[in-house]
């Protein structure tokens, strides 16, 4: 059960996971030990999956975001395993979703330029059978967050 205090702790950690437990405890009106126990419980229950560092894509020269729609006629377990292995092996592919509707998969690819994306595209189509690949280049990011909405947690 996630209560109001847990939600506040999660909100703080989503904003900055490097904050000291004592600082978090003060923000949620707990002493350090009970706050630490709550964080440990949230980790043990898998609510907190991991703690990561967010990097600046522009400073790392991968500021071009490409959204790739994939259609396939292949829906066997062996094809899916091969597809998963291929996309996992391409570091520029940072997110992949299996979709409902008119497309089968949506990929988010981060690259420095169109030429680099073309290289990713060629690796992808040479490694696994696809029916159709359609790419769209993001012109501007209007919102980007890793923070999940917490109001639904119970």
Protein backbone atom coordinates (compact mmCIF):
# COMPACT_ATOMS: atom_id res chain seq x y z
CA UNK A 1 0.00 0.00 0.00
CA UNK A 2 1.38 3.37 -1.04
CA UNK A 3 0.27 6.23 1.17
CA UNK A 4 0.62 10.01 0.92
CA UNK A 5 4.10 9.94 2.54
CA UNK A 6 5.32 7.27 0.12
CA UNK A 7 4.01 9.35 -2.80
CA UNK A 8 5.88 12.41 -1.53
CA UNK A 9 9.08 10.36 -1.12
CA UNK A 10 8.70 9.04 -4.66
CA UNK A 11 8.05 12.55 -5.97
CA UNK A 12 11.27 13.79 -4.34
CA UNK A 13 13.29 10.83 -5.62
CA UNK A 14 11.94 11.25 -9.16
CA UNK A 15 13.12 14.84 -9.08
CA UNK A 16 16.57 14.04 -7.64
CA UNK A 17 17.50 10.55 -6.50
CA UNK A 18 20.79 11.80 -5.04
CA UNK A 19 19.10 13.71 -2.23
CA UNK A 20 20.20 12.54 1.21
CA UNK A 21 17.76 10.45 3.20
CA UNK A 22 17.91 13.01 6.01
CA UNK A 23 16.84 15.75 3.60
CA UNK A 24 14.00 13.61 2.21
CA UNK A 25 12.92 12.72 5.75
CA UNK A 26 12.74 16.39 6.68
CA UNK A 27 10.59 17.14 3.62
CA UNK A 28 8.08 14.43 4.56
CA UNK A 29 8.13 15.08 8.32
CA UNK A 30 9.76 11.79 9.31
CA UNK A 31 12.96 10.97 11.12
CA UNK A 32 15.75 9.47 9.02
CA UNK A 33 15.33 5.80 9.99
CA UNK A 34 11.59 5.46 9.18
CA UNK A 35 12.15 7.34 5.93
CA UNK A 36 15.02 5.02 5.00
CA UNK A 37 12.84 1.99 5.82
CA UNK A 38 10.11 3.29 3.52
CA UNK A 39 12.61 3.77 0.67
CA UNK A 40 13.98 0.26 1.24
CA UNK A 41 10.44 -1.18 1.22
CA UNK A 42 9.61 0.66 -2.01
CA UNK A 43 12.78 -0.78 -3.56
CA UNK A 44 12.07 -4.30 -2.26
CA UNK A 45 8.51 -4.15 -3.65
CA UNK A 46 9.86 -3.06 -7.04
CA UNK A 47 8.14 0.34 -6.97
CA UNK A 48 11.61 1.88 -7.21
CA UNK A 49 13.19 -0.14 -10.02
CA UNK A 50 16.57 1.61 -10.13
CA UNK A 51 18.24 4.98 -9.77
CA UNK A 52 19.84 6.51 -12.84
CA UNK A 53 21.54 9.65 -14.11
CA UNK A 54 19.80 11.65 -16.85
CA UNK A 55 22.18 12.90 -19.51
CA UNK A 56 21.95 15.87 -21.87
CA UNK A 57 21.43 14.47 -25.39
CA UNK A 58 22.58 17.67 -27.06
CA UNK A 59 25.88 17.76 -25.15
CA UNK A 60 26.42 14.11 -26.09
CA UNK A 61 25.68 14.80 -29.77
CA UNK A 62 22.56 12.63 -29.99
CA UNK A 63 19.91 15.33 -30.04
CA UNK A 64 18.03 14.12 -33.14
CA UNK A 65 15.00 12.08 -32.06
CA UNK A 66 13.53 9.72 -34.62
CA UNK A 67 10.20 7.98 -34.05
CA UNK A 68 10.07 4.81 -36.13
CA UNK A 69 6.84 2.97 -36.94
CA UNK A 70 7.27 -0.68 -37.87
CA UNK A 71 4.77 -3.02 -39.46
CA UNK A 72 5.42 -6.72 -39.86
CA UNK A 73 3.55 -9.79 -40.99
CA UNK A 74 5.70 -11.90 -38.69
CA UNK A 75 4.15 -12.59 -35.29
CA UNK A 76 5.81 -15.82 -34.21
CA UNK A 77 7.69 -16.21 -30.94
CA UNK A 78 10.94 -16.87 -32.82
CA UNK A 79 10.57 -13.69 -34.91
CA UNK A 80 9.80 -11.65 -31.79
CA UNK A 81 12.89 -13.04 -30.04
CA UNK A 82 15.08 -12.17 -33.02
CA UNK A 83 13.53 -8.68 -33.25
CA UNK A 84 14.06 -8.13 -29.52
CA UNK A 85 17.70 -9.27 -29.81
CA UNK A 86 18.31 -6.92 -32.75
CA UNK A 87 16.78 -3.82 -31.18
CA UNK A 88 18.53 -4.55 -27.88
CA UNK A 89 21.87 -4.65 -29.71
CA UNK A 90 21.42 -1.20 -31.29
CA UNK A 91 22.35 1.43 -28.67
CA UNK A 92 20.69 4.26 -30.60
CA UNK A 93 17.32 2.56 -30.05
CA UNK A 94 16.39 3.88 -26.60
CA UNK A 95 12.72 2.87 -26.35
CA UNK A 96 10.55 0.26 -28.07
CA UNK A 97 6.82 -0.33 -27.73
CA UNK A 98 4.58 -3.08 -29.10
CA UNK A 99 1.49 -1.25 -30.27
CA UNK A 100 -2.17 -1.84 -30.93
CA UNK A 101 -3.73 -0.32 -34.02
CA UNK A 102 -2.25 0.15 -37.49
CA UNK A 103 1.41 -0.29 -36.54
CA UNK A 104 3.08 -3.15 -34.70
CA UNK A 105 6.08 -1.47 -33.04
CA UNK A 106 7.17 2.08 -32.24
CA UNK A 107 10.85 2.84 -31.69
CA UNK A 108 12.48 5.94 -30.29
CA UNK A 109 15.95 6.40 -31.77
CA UNK A 110 18.49 9.03 -30.67
CA UNK A 111 21.22 9.99 -33.17
CA UNK A 112 23.38 13.00 -34.11
CA UNK A 113 22.02 13.38 -37.66
CA UNK A 114 20.06 11.82 -40.52
CA UNK A 115 23.10 9.92 -41.78
CA UNK A 116 23.53 8.23 -38.43
CA UNK A 117 19.85 7.28 -38.47
CA UNK A 118 20.28 5.81 -41.97
CA UNK A 119 22.99 3.56 -40.54
CA UNK A 120 20.63 2.41 -37.77
CA UNK A 121 17.88 1.83 -40.35
CA UNK A 122 20.19 -0.31 -42.50
CA UNK A 123 21.30 -2.39 -39.49
CA UNK A 124 17.68 -2.94 -38.53
CA UNK A 125 16.34 -3.97 -41.95
CA UNK A 126 19.31 -6.21 -42.69
CA UNK A 127 18.93 -8.11 -39.43
CA UNK A 128 15.21 -8.82 -39.23
CA UNK A 129 12.34 -9.17 -41.72
CA UNK A 130 10.03 -6.13 -41.62
CA UNK A 131 7.03 -5.27 -43.76
CA UNK A 132 7.17 -1.46 -43.52
CA UNK A 133 9.35 1.07 -41.72
CA UNK A 134 8.27 4.70 -41.48
CA UNK A 135 10.44 7.32 -39.77
CA UNK A 136 9.54 10.76 -38.42
CA UNK A 137 12.08 13.26 -37.17
CA UNK A 138 11.18 15.35 -34.15
CA UNK A 139 11.42 19.07 -34.84
CA UNK A 140 11.06 20.17 -31.21
CA UNK A 141 10.58 18.54 -27.83
CA UNK A 142 7.64 20.17 -26.07
CA UNK A 143 7.68 17.89 -23.04
CA UNK A 144 10.06 15.21 -21.88
CA UNK A 145 10.00 13.71 -18.42
CA UNK A 146 10.90 10.53 -16.65
CA UNK A 147 8.57 11.35 -13.75
CA UNK A 148 5.52 9.13 -13.53
CA UNK A 149 2.17 10.47 -12.32
CA UNK A 150 1.78 9.38 -8.71
CA UNK A 151 -1.88 10.28 -8.08
CA UNK A 152 -3.04 6.82 -9.18
CA UNK A 153 -0.69 4.85 -6.90
CA UNK A 154 -2.37 2.96 -4.11
